[in-house]
């Protein structure tokens, strides 16, 4: 599919609805733009939140795991 898309004075462009629907790009979605030797490559994108665990949070996980596994531990 080849489409000509206008860019407004703020640099914003609008992807045609048919293309957004086909690629699963929702309102307020994201697109990854990559500069290549052939020009610009646009791909659907997503942001995934990342949690960085503190020592206290890791200790909570360990305690939870130990409690959950109590019935499965081998007796020595």
N, C-alpha and C. Protein backbone atom coordinates (compact mmCIF):
# COMPACT_ATOMS: atom_id res chain seq x y z
N UNK A 1 0.85 -1.17 0.00
CA UNK A 1 0.00 0.00 0.00
C UNK A 1 0.89 1.24 0.00
N UNK A 2 0.63 2.14 -0.89
CA UNK A 2 1.36 3.41 -0.94
C UNK A 2 0.36 4.53 -0.72
N UNK A 3 0.62 5.38 0.23
CA UNK A 3 -0.23 6.53 0.54
C UNK A 3 0.64 7.76 0.68
N UNK A 4 0.11 8.88 0.29
CA UNK A 4 0.78 10.16 0.51
C UNK A 4 0.13 10.78 1.74
N UNK A 5 0.95 11.13 2.73
CA UNK A 5 0.44 11.67 3.99
C UNK A 5 1.02 13.06 4.17
N UNK A 6 0.15 14.01 4.48
CA UNK A 6 0.60 15.38 4.72
C UNK A 6 1.12 15.53 6.15
N UNK A 7 2.08 16.40 6.33
CA UNK A 7 2.61 16.71 7.65
C UNK A 7 2.25 18.16 7.94
N UNK A 8 1.65 18.41 9.11
CA UNK A 8 1.23 19.77 9.43
C UNK A 8 2.41 20.60 9.93
N UNK A 9 2.15 21.85 10.27
CA UNK A 9 3.22 22.77 10.68
C UNK A 9 3.92 22.35 11.97
N UNK A 10 3.29 21.51 12.78
CA UNK A 10 3.91 21.01 14.00
C UNK A 10 4.71 19.72 13.76
N UNK A 11 4.69 19.22 12.51
CA UNK A 11 5.40 17.99 12.21
C UNK A 11 4.57 16.75 12.44
N UNK A 12 3.29 16.93 12.73
CA UNK A 12 2.40 15.80 13.00
C UNK A 12 1.85 15.23 11.69
N UNK A 13 1.82 13.90 11.61
CA UNK A 13 1.19 13.27 10.46
C UNK A 13 0.10 12.33 10.96
N UNK A 14 -0.87 12.06 10.10
CA UNK A 14 -1.97 11.17 10.46
C UNK A 14 -1.93 9.95 9.56
N UNK A 15 -1.85 8.79 10.18
CA UNK A 15 -1.89 7.55 9.40
C UNK A 15 -3.33 7.27 9.00
N UNK A 16 -3.57 6.85 7.77
CA UNK A 16 -4.93 6.55 7.33
C UNK A 16 -5.58 5.48 8.22
N UNK A 17 -6.88 5.62 8.47
CA UNK A 17 -7.62 4.71 9.33
C UNK A 17 -7.48 3.26 8.86
N UNK A 18 -7.57 3.04 7.57
CA UNK A 18 -7.44 1.69 7.01
C UNK A 18 -6.11 1.06 7.43
N UNK A 19 -5.05 1.82 7.40
CA UNK A 19 -3.73 1.33 7.78
C UNK A 19 -3.64 1.08 9.28
N UNK A 20 -4.15 2.03 10.08
CA UNK A 20 -4.15 1.85 11.54
C UNK A 20 -4.92 0.61 11.94
N UNK A 21 -6.09 0.40 11.31
CA UNK A 21 -6.91 -0.77 11.63
C UNK A 21 -6.17 -2.07 11.27
N UNK A 22 -5.56 -2.10 10.11
CA UNK A 22 -4.87 -3.30 9.64
C UNK A 22 -3.68 -3.65 10.52
N UNK A 23 -2.99 -2.61 11.04
CA UNK A 23 -1.81 -2.84 11.87
C UNK A 23 -2.11 -2.89 13.36
N UNK A 24 -3.37 -2.64 13.73
CA UNK A 24 -3.75 -2.69 15.14
C UNK A 24 -3.24 -1.51 15.94
N UNK A 25 -3.06 -0.37 15.29
CA UNK A 25 -2.61 0.83 15.99
C UNK A 25 -3.83 1.58 16.50
N UNK A 26 -3.95 1.67 17.82
CA UNK A 26 -5.12 2.31 18.45
C UNK A 26 -4.87 3.79 18.68
N UNK A 27 -5.95 4.52 18.97
CA UNK A 27 -5.83 5.92 19.34
C UNK A 27 -4.90 6.02 20.53
N UNK A 28 -4.06 7.00 20.54
CA UNK A 28 -3.06 7.21 21.60
C UNK A 28 -2.02 6.08 21.60
N UNK A 29 -1.95 5.31 20.52
CA UNK A 29 -0.95 4.26 20.40
C UNK A 29 0.40 4.85 20.05
N UNK A 30 1.34 4.00 19.79
CA UNK A 30 2.69 4.45 19.48
C UNK A 30 3.19 3.80 18.19
N UNK A 31 4.07 4.52 17.52
CA UNK A 31 4.72 4.03 16.31
C UNK A 31 6.22 4.24 16.48
N UNK A 32 6.99 3.24 16.12
CA UNK A 32 8.45 3.35 16.16
C UNK A 32 8.91 3.84 14.79
N UNK A 33 9.72 4.88 14.77
CA UNK A 33 10.26 5.42 13.52
C UNK A 33 11.75 5.13 13.49
N UNK A 34 12.19 4.48 12.41
CA UNK A 34 13.60 4.14 12.26
C UNK A 34 14.10 4.71 10.94
N UNK A 35 15.20 5.41 11.00
CA UNK A 35 15.82 5.93 9.79
C UNK A 35 16.67 4.83 9.17
N UNK A 36 16.41 4.53 7.90
CA UNK A 36 17.18 3.52 7.19
C UNK A 36 17.80 4.15 5.95
N UNK A 37 18.63 3.41 5.25
CA UNK A 37 19.23 3.94 4.03
C UNK A 37 18.19 4.17 2.94
N UNK A 38 17.03 3.49 3.05
CA UNK A 38 15.95 3.67 2.09
C UNK A 38 14.98 4.78 2.47
N UNK A 39 15.07 5.29 3.68
CA UNK A 39 14.14 6.33 4.15
C UNK A 39 13.70 6.03 5.56
N UNK A 40 12.43 6.34 5.87
CA UNK A 40 11.89 6.11 7.20
C UNK A 40 11.09 4.81 7.23
N UNK A 41 11.28 4.04 8.27
CA UNK A 41 10.53 2.82 8.49
C UNK A 41 9.64 3.05 9.70
N UNK A 42 8.33 2.90 9.53
CA UNK A 42 7.37 3.05 10.62
C UNK A 42 6.86 1.67 11.01
N UNK A 43 6.88 1.38 12.32
CA UNK A 43 6.37 0.11 12.82
C UNK A 43 5.49 0.37 14.04
N UNK A 44 4.46 -0.46 14.25
CA UNK A 44 3.68 -0.32 15.48
C UNK A 44 4.60 -0.51 16.67
N UNK A 45 4.38 0.24 17.73
CA UNK A 45 5.22 0.14 18.92
C UNK A 45 4.39 0.00 20.17
N UNK A 46 5.06 -0.31 21.24
CA UNK A 46 4.40 -0.45 22.54
C UNK A 46 5.42 -0.11 23.62
N UNK A 47 4.93 0.46 24.71
CA UNK A 47 5.76 0.74 25.87
C UNK A 47 5.33 -0.18 26.99
N UNK A 48 6.29 -0.85 27.59
CA UNK A 48 6.01 -1.77 28.69
C UNK A 48 6.61 -1.20 29.96
N UNK A 49 5.78 -1.02 30.99
CA UNK A 49 6.33 -0.49 32.23
C UNK A 49 7.32 -1.47 32.87
N UNK A 50 8.36 -0.93 33.44
CA UNK A 50 9.38 -1.75 34.09
C UNK A 50 9.47 -1.33 35.54
N UNK A 51 9.47 -2.32 36.42
CA UNK A 51 9.61 -2.04 37.84
C UNK A 51 11.01 -2.45 38.27
N UNK A 52 11.71 -1.55 38.91
CA UNK A 52 13.03 -1.88 39.46
C UNK A 52 12.81 -2.19 40.94
N UNK A 53 13.15 -3.41 41.32
CA UNK A 53 12.85 -3.87 42.67
C UNK A 53 13.89 -3.41 43.68
N UNK A 54 13.40 -2.90 44.79
CA UNK A 54 14.27 -2.53 45.90
C UNK A 54 14.64 -3.81 46.65
N UNK A 55 15.64 -3.69 47.51
CA UNK A 55 16.05 -4.84 48.34
C UNK A 55 14.87 -5.31 49.20
N UNK A 56 14.07 -4.37 49.69
CA UNK A 56 12.91 -4.71 50.52
C UNK A 56 11.88 -5.49 49.70
N UNK A 57 11.64 -5.07 48.46
CA UNK A 57 10.66 -5.76 47.60
C UNK A 57 11.16 -7.17 47.26
N UNK A 58 12.46 -7.32 47.01
CA UNK A 58 13.01 -8.65 46.74
C UNK A 58 12.86 -9.57 47.96
N UNK A 59 13.05 -9.01 49.14
CA UNK A 59 12.87 -9.79 50.36
C UNK A 59 11.42 -10.25 50.49
N UNK A 60 10.47 -9.38 50.12
CA UNK A 60 9.05 -9.76 50.14
C UNK A 60 8.79 -10.93 49.19
N UNK A 61 9.37 -10.88 48.00
CA UNK A 61 9.21 -11.97 47.04
C UNK A 61 9.76 -13.27 47.62
N UNK A 62 10.96 -13.20 48.19
CA UNK A 62 11.58 -14.40 48.75
C UNK A 62 10.75 -14.99 49.88
N UNK A 63 10.22 -14.15 50.74
CA UNK A 63 9.37 -14.62 51.84
C UNK A 63 8.12 -15.28 51.29
N UNK A 64 7.51 -14.65 50.30
CA UNK A 64 6.31 -15.19 49.68
C UNK A 64 6.60 -16.55 49.03
N UNK A 65 7.73 -16.65 48.35
CA UNK A 65 8.10 -17.92 47.71
C UNK A 65 8.34 -19.00 48.77
N UNK A 66 9.05 -18.65 49.83
CA UNK A 66 9.33 -19.62 50.89
C UNK A 66 8.04 -20.12 51.51
N UNK A 67 7.11 -19.22 51.76
CA UNK A 67 5.83 -19.59 52.36
C UNK A 67 5.04 -20.48 51.41
N UNK A 68 5.00 -20.13 50.13
CA UNK A 68 4.24 -20.90 49.14
C UNK A 68 4.81 -22.30 48.94
N UNK A 69 6.12 -22.45 49.12
CA UNK A 69 6.79 -23.73 48.85
C UNK A 69 6.96 -24.60 50.10
N UNK A 70 6.49 -24.14 51.27
CA UNK A 70 6.67 -24.89 52.51
C UNK A 70 6.23 -26.34 52.39
N UNK A 71 5.10 -26.62 51.79
CA UNK A 71 4.60 -27.97 51.68
C UNK A 71 5.34 -28.84 50.69
N UNK A 72 6.22 -28.26 49.89
CA UNK A 72 6.90 -28.98 48.84
C UNK A 72 8.38 -29.22 49.11
N UNK A 73 8.87 -28.69 50.21
CA UNK A 73 10.30 -28.82 50.50
C UNK A 73 10.63 -30.26 50.91
N UNK A 74 11.80 -30.74 50.46
CA UNK A 74 12.26 -32.08 50.82
C UNK A 74 12.72 -32.09 52.27
N UNK A 75 12.34 -33.13 52.98
CA UNK A 75 12.77 -33.26 54.37
C UNK A 75 14.08 -34.01 54.39
N UNK A 76 14.99 -33.52 55.18
CA UNK A 76 16.34 -34.13 55.23
C UNK A 76 16.53 -34.91 56.49
